[in-house]
Amino acid sequence: MREDATTGESKGSKGMSRDELLALPVAIDLDTSNRALGLGRSKGYELAKRGEYPCKVLRLGNAYRVVTADLLELLGLAA
């Protein structure tokens, strides 16, 4: 993997930094939440579909949205 010269992190690395997490908007897409939790795409969507995702998920038409405050609380970063 290549290292990003500006951040010193590997491109394509899994997970998110604390700063990235704290900069998220009020609600995020399921893929972003999966990345923050270290879940694969298929597993994340499977859990959301079964109603077993580890934090609150909103279904808006075809899309899933995750409430960022719930995600941050789950990760121990709530203010």
PDB file of N, CA and C in Angstrom:
ATOM      1  N   MET A   1       0.834  -1.177   0.000  1.00  0.00           N
ATOM      2  CA  MET A   1       0.000   0.000   0.000  1.00  0.00           C
ATOM      3  C   MET A   1       0.879   1.240   0.000  1.00  0.00           C
ATOM      4  N   ARG A   2       0.405   2.272  -0.653  1.00  0.00           N
ATOM      5  CA  ARG A   2       1.136   3.526  -0.687  1.00  0.00           C
ATOM      6  C   ARG A   2       0.828   4.358   0.545  1.00  0.00           C
ATOM      7  N   GLU A   3       1.810   5.139   0.930  1.00  0.00           N
ATOM      8  CA  GLU A   3       1.599   6.027   2.064  1.00  0.00           C
ATOM      9  C   GLU A   3       1.272   7.416   1.536  1.00  0.00           C
ATOM     10  N   ASP A   4       0.266   8.046   2.132  1.00  0.00           N
ATOM     11  CA  ASP A   4      -0.128   9.396   1.756  1.00  0.00           C
ATOM     12  C   ASP A   4       0.881  10.369   2.368  1.00  0.00           C
ATOM     13  N   ALA A   5       1.511  11.187   1.531  1.00  0.00           N
ATOM     14  CA  ALA A   5       2.561  12.100   1.996  1.00  0.00           C
ATOM     15  C   ALA A   5       2.027  13.159   2.955  1.00  0.00           C
ATOM     16  N   THR A   6       0.754  13.548   2.819  1.00  0.00           N
ATOM     17  CA  THR A   6       0.216  14.613   3.665  1.00  0.00           C
ATOM     18  C   THR A   6      -0.182  14.121   5.046  1.00  0.00           C
ATOM     19  N   THR A   7      -0.646  12.885   5.165  1.00  0.00           N
ATOM     20  CA  THR A   7      -1.108  12.396   6.462  1.00  0.00           C
ATOM     21  C   THR A   7      -0.213  11.333   7.043  1.00  0.00           C
ATOM     22  N   GLY A   8       0.623  10.703   6.204  1.00  0.00           N
ATOM     23  CA  GLY A   8       1.482   9.644   6.694  1.00  0.00           C
ATOM     24  C   GLY A   8       0.747   8.335   6.887  1.00  0.00           C
ATOM     25  N   GLU A   9      -0.506   8.252   6.416  1.00  0.00           N
ATOM     26  CA  GLU A   9      -1.283   7.031   6.556  1.00  0.00           C
ATOM     27  C   GLU A   9      -1.311   6.282   5.243  1.00  0.00           C
ATOM     28  N   SER A  10      -1.498   4.989   5.322  1.00  0.00           N
ATOM     29  CA  SER A  10      -1.588   4.179   4.116  1.00  0.00           C
ATOM     30  C   SER A  10      -2.892   4.457   3.399  1.00  0.00           C
ATOM     31  N   LYS A  11      -2.809   4.618   2.088  1.00  0.00           N
ATOM     32  CA  LYS A  11      -4.037   4.782   1.306  1.00  0.00           C
ATOM     33  C   LYS A  11      -4.772   3.462   1.272  1.00  0.00           C
ATOM     34  N   GLY A  12      -6.087   3.530   1.371  1.00  0.00           N
ATOM     35  CA  GLY A  12      -6.887   2.318   1.338  1.00  0.00           C
ATOM     36  C   GLY A  12      -6.904   1.591   2.669  1.00  0.00           C
ATOM     37  N   SER A  13      -6.346   2.208   3.709  1.00  0.00           N
ATOM     38  CA  SER A  13      -6.336   1.552   5.010  1.00  0.00           C
ATOM     39  C   SER A  13      -7.745   1.536   5.585  1.00  0.00           C
ATOM     40  N   LYS A  14      -8.014   0.518   6.368  1.00  0.00           N
ATOM     41  CA  LYS A  14      -9.323   0.395   6.988  1.00  0.00           C
ATOM     42  C   LYS A  14      -9.368   1.259   8.233  1.00  0.00           C
ATOM     43  N   GLY A  15     -10.571   1.554   8.670  1.00  0.00           N
ATOM     44  CA  GLY A  15     -10.746   2.337   9.874  1.00  0.00           C
ATOM     45  C   GLY A  15     -10.641   3.824   9.602  1.00  0.00           C
ATOM     46  N   MET A  16     -10.897   4.600  10.640  1.00  0.00           N
ATOM     47  CA  MET A  16     -10.861   6.055  10.524  1.00  0.00           C
ATOM     48  C   MET A  16     -10.144   6.616  11.734  1.00  0.00           C
ATOM     49  N   SER A  17      -9.490   7.741  11.536  1.00  0.00           N
ATOM     50  CA  SER A  17      -8.806   8.395  12.654  1.00  0.00           C
ATOM     51  C   SER A  17      -9.833   9.106  13.529  1.00  0.00           C
ATOM     52  N   ARG A  18      -9.407   9.467  14.726  1.00  0.00           N
ATOM     53  CA  ARG A  18     -10.282  10.190  15.655  1.00  0.00           C
ATOM     54  C   ARG A  18     -10.734  11.510  15.026  1.00  0.00           C
ATOM     55  N   ASP A  19      -9.816  12.223  14.390  1.00  0.00           N
ATOM     56  CA  ASP A  19     -10.153  13.500  13.752  1.00  0.00           C
ATOM     57  C   ASP A  19     -11.177  13.317  12.638  1.00  0.00           C
ATOM     58  N   GLU A  20     -11.023  12.269  11.842  1.00  0.00           N
ATOM     59  CA  GLU A  20     -11.998  11.990  10.774  1.00  0.00           C
ATOM     60  C   GLU A  20     -13.372  11.713  11.366  1.00  0.00           C
ATOM     61  N   LEU A  21     -13.409  10.934  12.434  1.00  0.00           N
ATOM     62  CA  LEU A  21     -14.683  10.600  13.076  1.00  0.00           C
ATOM     63  C   LEU A  21     -15.369  11.835  13.629  1.00  0.00           C
ATOM     64  N   LEU A  22     -14.612  12.694  14.287  1.00  0.00           N
ATOM     65  CA  LEU A  22     -15.197  13.887  14.900  1.00  0.00           C
ATOM     66  C   LEU A  22     -15.629  14.924  13.870  1.00  0.00           C
ATOM     67  N   ALA A  23     -15.145  14.820  12.638  1.00  0.00           N
ATOM     68  CA  ALA A  23     -15.511  15.762  11.579  1.00  0.00           C
ATOM     69  C   ALA A  23     -16.707  15.293  10.749  1.00  0.00           C
ATOM     70  N   LEU A  24     -17.279  14.145  11.087  1.00  0.00           N
ATOM     71  CA  LEU A  24     -18.387  13.609  10.305  1.00  0.00           C
ATOM     72  C   LEU A  24     -19.646  14.449  10.466  1.00  0.00           C
ATOM     73  N   PRO A  25     -20.502  14.494   9.430  1.00  0.00           N
ATOM     74  CA  PRO A  25     -21.777  15.209   9.539  1.00  0.00           C
ATOM     75  C   PRO A  25     -22.744  14.457  10.464  1.00  0.00           C
ATOM     76  N   VAL A  26     -23.928  15.014  10.666  1.00  0.00           N
ATOM     77  CA  VAL A  26     -24.924  14.477  11.598  1.00  0.00           C
ATOM     78  C   VAL A  26     -25.328  13.044  11.263  1.00  0.00           C
ATOM     79  N   ALA A  27     -25.467  12.748   9.995  1.00  0.00           N
ATOM     80  CA  ALA A  27     -25.806  11.385   9.552  1.00  0.00           C
ATOM     81  C   ALA A  27     -24.880  11.018   8.401  1.00  0.00           C
ATOM     82  N   ILE A  28     -24.484   9.756   8.360  1.00  0.00           N
ATOM     83  CA  ILE A  28     -23.542   9.297   7.342  1.00  0.00           C
ATOM     84  C   ILE A  28     -24.081   8.054   6.643  1.00  0.00           C
ATOM     85  N   ASP A  29     -23.516   7.748   5.487  1.00  0.00           N
ATOM     86  CA  ASP A  29     -23.938   6.548   4.779  1.00  0.00           C
ATOM     87  C   ASP A  29     -23.385   5.306   5.469  1.00  0.00           C
ATOM     88  N   LEU A  30     -23.964   4.174   5.158  1.00  0.00           N
ATOM     89  CA  LEU A  30     -23.602   2.927   5.817  1.00  0.00           C
ATOM     90  C   LEU A  30     -22.156   2.533   5.520  1.00  0.00           C
ATOM     91  N   ASP A  31     -21.669   2.813   4.317  1.00  0.00           N
ATOM     92  CA  ASP A  31     -20.289   2.470   3.972  1.00  0.00           C
ATOM     93  C   ASP A  31     -19.287   3.204   4.865  1.00  0.00           C
ATOM     94  N   THR A  32     -19.556   4.480   5.158  1.00  0.00           N
ATOM     95  CA  THR A  32     -18.674   5.250   6.031  1.00  0.00           C
ATOM     96  C   THR A  32     -18.704   4.688   7.446  1.00  0.00           C
ATOM     97  N   SER A  33     -19.890   4.351   7.922  1.00  0.00           N
ATOM     98  CA  SER A  33     -20.026   3.759   9.252  1.00  0.00           C
ATOM     99  C   SER A  33     -19.331   2.407   9.326  1.00  0.00           C
ATOM    100  N   ASN A  34     -19.484   1.612   8.281  1.00  0.00           N
ATOM    101  CA  ASN A  34     -18.804   0.306   8.232  1.00  0.00           C
ATOM    102  C   ASN A  34     -17.299   0.488   8.349  1.00  0.00           C
ATOM    103  N   ARG A  35     -16.783   1.492   7.641  1.00  0.00           N
ATOM    104  CA  ARG A  35     -15.343   1.765   7.688  1.00  0.00           C
ATOM    105  C   ARG A  35     -14.902   2.153   9.101  1.00  0.00           C
ATOM    106  N   ALA A  36     -15.701   2.995   9.766  1.00  0.00           N
ATOM    107  CA  ALA A  36     -15.373   3.423  11.127  1.00  0.00           C
ATOM    108  C   ALA A  36     -15.371   2.247  12.098  1.00  0.00           C
ATOM    109  N   LEU A  37     -16.262   1.285  11.865  1.00  0.00           N
ATOM    110  CA  LEU A  37     -16.381   0.129  12.750  1.00  0.00           C
ATOM    111  C   LEU A  37     -15.498  -1.040  12.331  1.00  0.00           C
ATOM    112  N   GLY A  38     -14.868  -0.923  11.175  1.00  0.00           N
ATOM    113  CA  GLY A  38     -14.028  -2.019  10.692  1.00  0.00           C
ATOM    114  C   GLY A  38     -14.835  -3.181  10.151  1.00  0.00           C
ATOM    115  N   LEU A  39     -16.050  -2.897   9.700  1.00  0.00           N
ATOM    116  CA  LEU A  39     -16.906  -3.931   9.113  1.00  0.00           C
ATOM    117  C   LEU A  39     -16.761  -3.929   7.597  1.00  0.00           C
ATOM    118  N   GLY A  40     -16.875  -5.091   7.010  1.00  0.00           N
ATOM    119  CA  GLY A  40     -16.915  -5.186   5.556  1.00  0.00           C
ATOM    120  C   GLY A  40     -18.264  -4.708   5.048  1.00  0.00           C
ATOM    121  N   ARG A  41     -18.314  -4.364   3.779  1.00  0.00           N
ATOM    122  CA  ARG A  41     -19.550  -3.841   3.184  1.00  0.00           C
ATOM    123  C   ARG A  41     -20.699  -4.840   3.280  1.00  0.00           C
ATOM    124  N   SER A  42     -20.457  -6.076   2.905  1.00  0.00           N
ATOM    125  CA  SER A  42     -21.519  -7.088   2.912  1.00  0.00           C
ATOM    126  C   SER A  42     -22.050  -7.335   4.322  1.00  0.00           C
ATOM    127  N   LYS A  43     -21.138  -7.442   5.287  1.00  0.00           N
ATOM    128  CA  LYS A  43     -21.538  -7.702   6.670  1.00  0.00           C
ATOM    129  C   LYS A  43     -22.331  -6.525   7.221  1.00  0.00           C
ATOM    130  N   GLY A  44     -21.896  -5.308   6.941  1.00  0.00           N
ATOM    131  CA  GLY A  44     -22.605  -4.126   7.417  1.00  0.00           C
ATOM    132  C   GLY A  44     -24.021  -4.046   6.877  1.00  0.00           C
ATOM    133  N   TYR A  45     -24.178  -4.282   5.591  1.00  0.00           N
ATOM    134  CA  TYR A  45     -25.514  -4.237   4.996  1.00  0.00           C
ATOM    135  C   TYR A  45     -26.382  -5.384   5.502  1.00  0.00           C
ATOM    136  N   GLU A  46     -25.788  -6.532   5.706  1.00  0.00           N
ATOM    137  CA  GLU A  46     -26.527  -7.673   6.243  1.00  0.00           C
ATOM    138  C   GLU A  46     -27.059  -7.356   7.646  1.00  0.00           C
ATOM    139  N   LEU A  47     -26.215  -6.794   8.494  1.00  0.00           N
ATOM    140  CA  LEU A  47     -26.636  -6.429   9.851  1.00  0.00           C
ATOM    141  C   LEU A  47     -27.734  -5.365   9.825  1.00  0.00           C
ATOM    142  N   ALA A  48     -27.588  -4.364   8.955  1.00  0.00           N
ATOM    143  CA  ALA A  48     -28.603  -3.306   8.848  1.00  0.00           C
ATOM    144  C   ALA A  48     -29.932  -3.881   8.380  1.00  0.00           C
ATOM    145  N   LYS A  49     -29.897  -4.747   7.407  1.00  0.00           N
ATOM    146  CA  LYS A  49     -31.118  -5.346   6.870  1.00  0.00           C
ATOM    147  C   LYS A  49     -31.852  -6.167   7.929  1.00  0.00           C
ATOM    148  N   ARG A  50     -31.077  -6.857   8.794  1.00  0.00           N
ATOM    149  CA  ARG A  50     -31.682  -7.677   9.853  1.00  0.00           C
ATOM    150  C   ARG A  50     -32.037  -6.871  11.097  1.00  0.00           C
ATOM    151  N   GLY A  51     -31.708  -5.583  11.108  1.00  0.00           N
ATOM    152  CA  GLY A  51     -31.979  -4.755  12.278  1.00  0.00           C
ATOM    153  C   GLY A  51     -31.011  -5.010  13.421  1.00  0.00           C
ATOM    154  N   GLU A  52     -29.806  -5.520  13.104  1.00  0.00           N
ATOM    155  CA  GLU A  52     -28.822  -5.879  14.127  1.00  0.00           C
ATOM    156  C   GLU A  52     -27.556  -5.034  14.065  1.00  0.00           C
ATOM    157  N   TYR A  53     -27.614  -3.923  13.356  1.00  0.00           N
ATOM    158  CA  TYR A  53     -26.443  -3.055  13.266  1.00  0.00           C
ATOM    159  C   TYR A  53     -26.160  -2.510  14.667  1.00  0.00           C
ATOM    160  N   PRO A  54     -24.886  -2.343  15.040  1.00  0.00           N
ATOM    161  CA  PRO A  54     -24.572  -1.966  16.418  1.00  0.00           C
ATOM    162  C   PRO A  54     -24.960  -0.549  16.845  1.00  0.00           C
ATOM    163  N   CYS A  55     -25.421   0.292  15.929  1.00  0.00           N
ATOM    164  CA  CYS A  55     -25.933   1.608  16.313  1.00  0.00           C
ATOM    165  C   CYS A  55     -27.134   1.940  15.431  1.00  0.00           C
ATOM    166  N   LYS A  56     -27.783   3.063  15.729  1.00  0.00           N
ATOM    167  CA  LYS A  56     -29.037   3.408  15.060  1.00  0.00           C
ATOM    168  C   LYS A  56     -28.855   3.623  13.556  1.00  0.00           C
ATOM    169  N   VAL A  57     -29.703   2.954  12.775  1.00  0.00           N
ATOM    170  CA  VAL A  57     -29.686   3.061  11.320  1.00  0.00           C
ATOM    171  C   VAL A  57     -31.058   3.550  10.853  1.00  0.00           C
ATOM    172  N   LEU A  58     -31.058   4.538   9.986  1.00  0.00           N
ATOM    173  CA  LEU A  58     -32.295   5.051   9.398  1.00  0.00           C
ATOM    174  C   LEU A  58     -32.398   4.529   7.974  1.00  0.00           C
ATOM    175  N   ARG A  59     -33.573   4.070   7.600  1.00  0.00           N
ATOM    176  CA  ARG A  59     -33.801   3.625   6.218  1.00  0.00           C
ATOM    177  C   ARG A  59     -34.542   4.729   5.493  1.00  0.00           C
ATOM    178  N   LEU A  60     -33.902   5.316   4.506  1.00  0.00           N
ATOM    179  CA  LEU A  60     -34.490   6.404   3.726  1.00  0.00           C
ATOM    180  C   LEU A  60     -34.579   5.969   2.274  1.00  0.00           C
ATOM    181  N   GLY A  61     -35.742   5.475   1.890  1.00  0.00           N
ATOM    182  CA  GLY A  61     -35.906   4.932   0.552  1.00  0.00           C
ATOM    183  C   GLY A  61     -35.033   3.703   0.399  1.00  0.00           C
ATOM    184  N   ASN A  62     -34.143   3.728  -0.567  1.00  0.00           N
ATOM    185  CA  ASN A  62     -33.220   2.615  -0.786  1.00  0.00           C
ATOM    186  C   ASN A  62     -31.951   2.726   0.053  1.00  0.00           C
ATOM    187  N   ALA A  63     -31.743   3.886   0.663  1.00  0.00           N
ATOM    188  CA  ALA A  63     -30.479   4.151   1.352  1.00  0.00           C
ATOM    189  C   ALA A  63     -30.582   3.952   2.857  1.00  0.00           C
ATOM    190  N   TYR A  64     -29.455   3.552   3.442  1.00  0.00           N
ATOM    191  CA  TYR A  64     -29.319   3.484   4.891  1.00  0.00           C
ATOM    192  C   TYR A  64     -28.471   4.668   5.331  1.00  0.00           C
ATOM    193  N   ARG A  65     -28.851   5.291   6.443  1.00  0.00           N
ATOM    194  CA  ARG A  65     -28.059   6.357   7.048  1.00  0.00           C
ATOM    195  C   ARG A  65     -27.855   6.012   8.522  1.00  0.00           C
ATOM    196  N   VAL A  66     -26.679   6.325   9.017  1.00  0.00           N
ATOM    197  CA  VAL A  66     -26.340   6.054  10.408  1.00  0.00           C
ATOM    198  C   VAL A  66     -26.236   7.391  11.136  1.00  0.00           C
ATOM    199  N   VAL A  67     -26.834   7.472  12.326  1.00  0.00           N
ATOM    200  CA  VAL A  67     -26.773   8.679  13.143  1.00  0.00           C
ATOM    201  C   VAL A  67     -25.368   8.754  13.747  1.00  0.00           C
ATOM    202  N   THR A  68     -24.632   9.789  13.393  1.00  0.00           N
ATOM    203  CA  THR A  68     -23.238   9.913  13.806  1.00  0.00           C
ATOM    204  C   THR A  68     -23.085   9.950  15.323  1.00  0.00           C
ATOM    205  N   ALA A  69     -23.990  10.606  16.037  1.00  0.00           N
ATOM    206  CA  ALA A  69     -23.896  10.675  17.499  1.00  0.00           C
ATOM    207  C   ALA A  69     -23.919   9.273  18.110  1.00  0.00           C
ATOM    208  N   ASP A  70     -24.761   8.390  17.574  1.00  0.00           N
ATOM    209  CA  ASP A  70     -24.817   7.009  18.070  1.00  0.00           C
ATOM    210  C   ASP A  70     -23.528   6.258  17.764  1.00  0.00           C
ATOM    211  N   LEU A  71     -22.981   6.489  16.580  1.00  0.00           N
ATOM    212  CA  LEU A  71     -21.728   5.850  16.208  1.00  0.00           C
ATOM    213  C   LEU A  71     -20.589   6.306  17.124  1.00  0.00           C
ATOM    214  N   LEU A  72     -20.504   7.608  17.365  1.00  0.00           N
ATOM    215  CA  LEU A  72     -19.443   8.137  18.227  1.00  0.00           C
ATOM    216  C   LEU A  72     -19.588   7.622  19.661  1.00  0.00           C
ATOM    217  N   GLU A  73     -20.832   7.500  20.133  1.00  0.00           N
ATOM    218  CA  GLU A  73     -21.058   6.951  21.469  1.00  0.00           C
ATOM    219  C   GLU A  73     -20.599   5.507  21.546  1.00  0.00           C
ATOM    220  N   LEU A  74     -20.922   4.726  20.531  1.00  0.00           N
ATOM    221  CA  LEU A  74     -20.499   3.335  20.476  1.00  0.00           C
ATOM    222  C   LEU A  74     -18.972   3.228  20.506  1.00  0.00           C
ATOM    223  N   LEU A  75     -18.298   4.143  19.838  1.00  0.00           N
ATOM    224  CA  LEU A  75     -16.840   4.131  19.769  1.00  0.00           C
ATOM    225  C   LEU A  75     -16.176   4.833  20.967  1.00  0.00           C
ATOM    226  N   GLY A  76     -16.987   5.353  21.880  1.00  0.00           N
ATOM    227  CA  GLY A  76     -16.454   6.014  23.064  1.00  0.00           C
ATOM    228  C   GLY A  76     -15.921   7.399  22.803  1.00  0.00           C
ATOM    229  N   LEU A  77     -16.442   8.073  21.770  1.00  0.00           N
ATOM    230  CA  LEU A  77     -15.971   9.418  21.426  1.00  0.00           C
ATOM    231  C   LEU A  77     -17.044  10.478  21.607  1.00  0.00           C
ATOM    232  N   ALA A  78     -18.149  10.133  22.240  1.00  0.00           N
ATOM    233  CA  ALA A  78     -19.240  11.097  22.427  1.00  0.00           C
ATOM    234  C   ALA A  78     -18.787  12.221  23.357  1.00  0.00           C
ATOM    235  N   ALA A  79     -19.275  13.411  23.058  1.00  0.00           N
ATOM    236  CA  ALA A  79     -18.881  14.585  23.862  1.00  0.00           C
ATOM    237  C   ALA A  79     -19.627  14.621  25.177  1.00  0.00           C
TER     238      ALA A  79
END
